[in-house]
Amino acid sequence: GNVQNPFEGNAAITVREYTLRLLKYCATQEEDVVMAVMLLDRLVYRYPECRLSKTSFHRMFLVALVVSVKTRSDFYYANSYYAQAGGVDLKQFNELERLFLNMIEFDVYIEVEDYDTFYAAVDAQFYISTPPPAPLSLQTAEQLKQ
């Protein structure tokens, strides 16, 4: 039958607005964003039914970004903070995070060569290295849109 994407849900704001919101409040660095996209790629490869859409992007990107931050950084906020920033309740966030990690089989390790290849592809698309590599601020995110 038709397999549901468990990350589907109502989206109150656009993908762009949501992305900018997460970049602003989740204090992410450029590497976290690239890694999040790589983890999403890993998820979708294993579960094609979990494709990104206007109704699934928000929860998928939120969870992938938080997993990236937690993997890369010694400092990160409590899940309650990320849930609030992402506009989902804590119980749902915890469930989605657990589900995401199980679906990618806790495979969060990324080879440097894979990262570099992926970064180059993302860079070619969004010109993220044109400004000097730095934490991705809201201002940088605004520049990316232009």
Protein backbone atom coordinates (compact mmCIF):
# COMPACT_ATOMS: atom_id res chain seq x y z
CA GLY A 1 0.00 0.00 0.00
CA ASN A 2 0.84 3.66 0.20
CA VAL A 3 3.52 4.24 2.83
CA GLN A 4 3.17 7.43 4.84
CA ASN A 5 6.04 9.79 5.51
CA PRO A 6 6.10 10.00 9.33
CA PHE A 7 7.49 13.56 9.10
CA GLU A 8 4.40 14.94 7.35
CA GLY A 9 2.50 17.68 9.12
CA ASN A 10 0.89 21.05 8.80
CA ALA A 11 3.29 23.82 7.84
CA ALA A 12 2.31 27.26 9.10
CA ILE A 13 5.18 29.07 7.33
CA THR A 14 7.06 28.60 4.06
CA VAL A 15 10.13 26.43 3.73
CA ARG A 16 12.30 29.55 3.27
CA GLU A 17 10.87 31.31 6.35
CA TYR A 18 11.26 28.15 8.40
CA THR A 19 14.84 27.60 7.29
CA LEU A 20 15.77 31.18 8.16
CA ARG A 21 14.07 30.79 11.54
CA LEU A 22 16.09 27.67 12.35
CA LEU A 23 19.34 29.29 11.21
CA LYS A 24 18.58 32.24 13.48
CA TYR A 25 17.54 30.37 16.63
CA CYS A 26 19.50 27.15 16.47
CA ALA A 27 22.87 28.94 16.33
CA THR A 28 24.05 26.68 13.58
CA GLN A 29 27.28 26.84 11.65
CA GLU A 30 27.61 26.28 7.93
CA GLU A 31 28.92 22.74 8.55
CA ASP A 32 25.80 21.84 10.54
CA VAL A 33 23.62 22.82 7.60
CA VAL A 34 25.67 20.83 5.08
CA MET A 35 25.72 17.83 7.42
CA ALA A 36 21.95 18.09 7.97
CA VAL A 37 21.39 17.97 4.21
CA MET A 38 23.73 14.95 4.00
CA LEU A 39 21.78 13.16 6.74
CA LEU A 40 18.51 13.93 4.95
CA ASP A 41 20.03 12.52 1.78
CA ARG A 42 20.94 9.36 3.74
CA LEU A 43 17.38 9.07 5.08
CA VAL A 44 15.68 9.58 1.71
CA TYR A 45 18.07 7.09 0.07
CA ARG A 46 17.02 4.43 2.59
CA TYR A 47 13.36 5.43 2.68
CA PRO A 48 12.26 6.92 -0.67
CA GLU A 49 8.76 7.49 0.73
CA CYS A 50 10.30 10.09 3.07
CA ARG A 51 10.80 12.60 0.33
CA LEU A 52 11.05 16.28 1.12
CA SER A 53 7.89 18.22 0.38
CA LYS A 54 6.18 21.41 1.50
CA THR A 55 4.52 19.44 4.28
CA SER A 56 7.44 17.23 5.40
CA PHE A 57 10.45 19.56 5.00
CA HIS A 58 9.94 21.43 8.28
CA ARG A 59 10.10 18.44 10.60
CA MET A 60 12.73 16.59 8.55
CA PHE A 61 15.09 19.57 8.38
CA LEU A 62 14.55 20.46 12.06
CA VAL A 63 15.47 16.97 13.24
CA ALA A 64 18.40 16.58 10.81
CA LEU A 65 19.77 19.96 11.86
CA VAL A 66 19.53 19.19 15.58
CA VAL A 67 21.16 15.77 15.07
CA SER A 68 23.97 17.54 13.17
CA VAL A 69 24.47 20.14 15.89
CA LYS A 70 24.53 17.46 18.61
CA THR A 71 26.97 15.33 16.61
CA ARG A 72 29.38 18.15 15.81
CA SER A 73 29.23 20.38 18.85
CA ASP A 74 30.05 20.07 22.53
CA PHE A 75 27.46 22.74 23.24
CA TYR A 76 23.83 22.44 22.28
CA TYR A 77 20.46 23.37 23.72
CA ALA A 78 17.88 21.13 25.37
CA ASN A 79 15.36 19.44 23.09
CA SER A 80 12.65 21.67 24.56
CA TYR A 81 14.45 24.67 23.03
CA TYR A 82 14.73 23.09 19.57
CA ALA A 83 11.11 21.93 19.70
CA GLN A 84 9.98 25.46 20.51
CA ALA A 85 12.21 27.00 17.81
CA GLY A 86 10.84 24.44 15.35
CA GLY A 87 7.21 24.90 16.35
CA VAL A 88 6.55 21.34 17.44
CA ASP A 89 5.76 20.06 20.91
CA LEU A 90 8.52 18.38 22.87
CA LYS A 91 6.95 14.91 22.86
CA GLN A 92 6.59 14.99 19.07
CA PHE A 93 10.13 16.32 18.64
CA ASN A 94 11.58 13.55 20.82
CA GLU A 95 9.64 10.93 18.85
CA LEU A 96 10.78 12.34 15.50
CA GLU A 97 14.40 12.53 16.62
CA ARG A 98 14.34 8.92 17.82
CA LEU A 99 12.61 7.83 14.62
CA PHE A 100 15.10 9.73 12.42
CA LEU A 101 18.10 8.19 14.20
CA ASN A 102 16.60 4.70 13.98
CA MET A 103 15.80 5.15 10.29
CA ILE A 104 19.39 6.15 9.48
CA GLU A 105 20.54 3.38 11.86
CA PHE A 106 22.38 5.97 13.99
CA ASP A 107 24.78 6.39 11.06
CA VAL A 108 25.79 10.00 11.69
CA TYR A 109 29.47 9.63 10.82
CA ILE A 110 30.44 11.51 7.69
CA GLU A 111 33.70 10.94 5.83
CA VAL A 112 35.72 14.10 5.16
CA GLU A 113 35.89 13.24 1.44
CA ASP A 114 32.09 12.82 1.28
CA TYR A 115 31.62 16.11 3.10
CA ASP A 116 33.96 17.93 0.72
CA THR A 117 32.20 16.47 -2.32
CA PHE A 118 28.78 17.33 -0.93
CA TYR A 119 29.92 20.80 0.14
CA ALA A 120 31.20 21.49 -3.38
CA ALA A 121 27.85 20.45 -4.84
CA VAL A 122 25.90 22.59 -2.35
CA ASP A 123 28.37 25.46 -2.87
CA ALA A 124 27.91 25.30 -6.64
CA GLN A 125 24.16 25.55 -6.07
CA PHE A 126 24.08 28.24 -3.38
CA TYR A 127 27.53 29.93 -3.50
CA ILE A 128 28.04 29.41 0.21
CA SER A 129 31.82 29.85 0.09
CA THR A 130 31.74 33.20 -1.74
CA PRO A 131 31.68 34.96 1.63
CA PRO A 132 34.53 33.64 3.81
CA PRO A 133 33.56 30.45 5.66
CA ALA A 134 31.95 31.60 8.89
CA PRO A 135 29.00 30.68 11.06
CA LEU A 136 25.91 30.89 8.93
CA SER A 137 24.14 33.96 10.28
CA LEU A 138 20.75 35.26 9.26
CA GLN A 139 22.59 37.92 7.21
CA THR A 140 24.52 35.22 5.34
CA ALA A 141 21.29 33.31 4.81
CA GLU A 142 19.74 36.46 3.35
CA GLN A 143 22.67 36.77 0.93
CA LEU A 144 22.16 33.16 -0.17
CA LYS A 145 18.61 33.93 -1.28
CA GLN A 146 19.64 36.69 -3.68
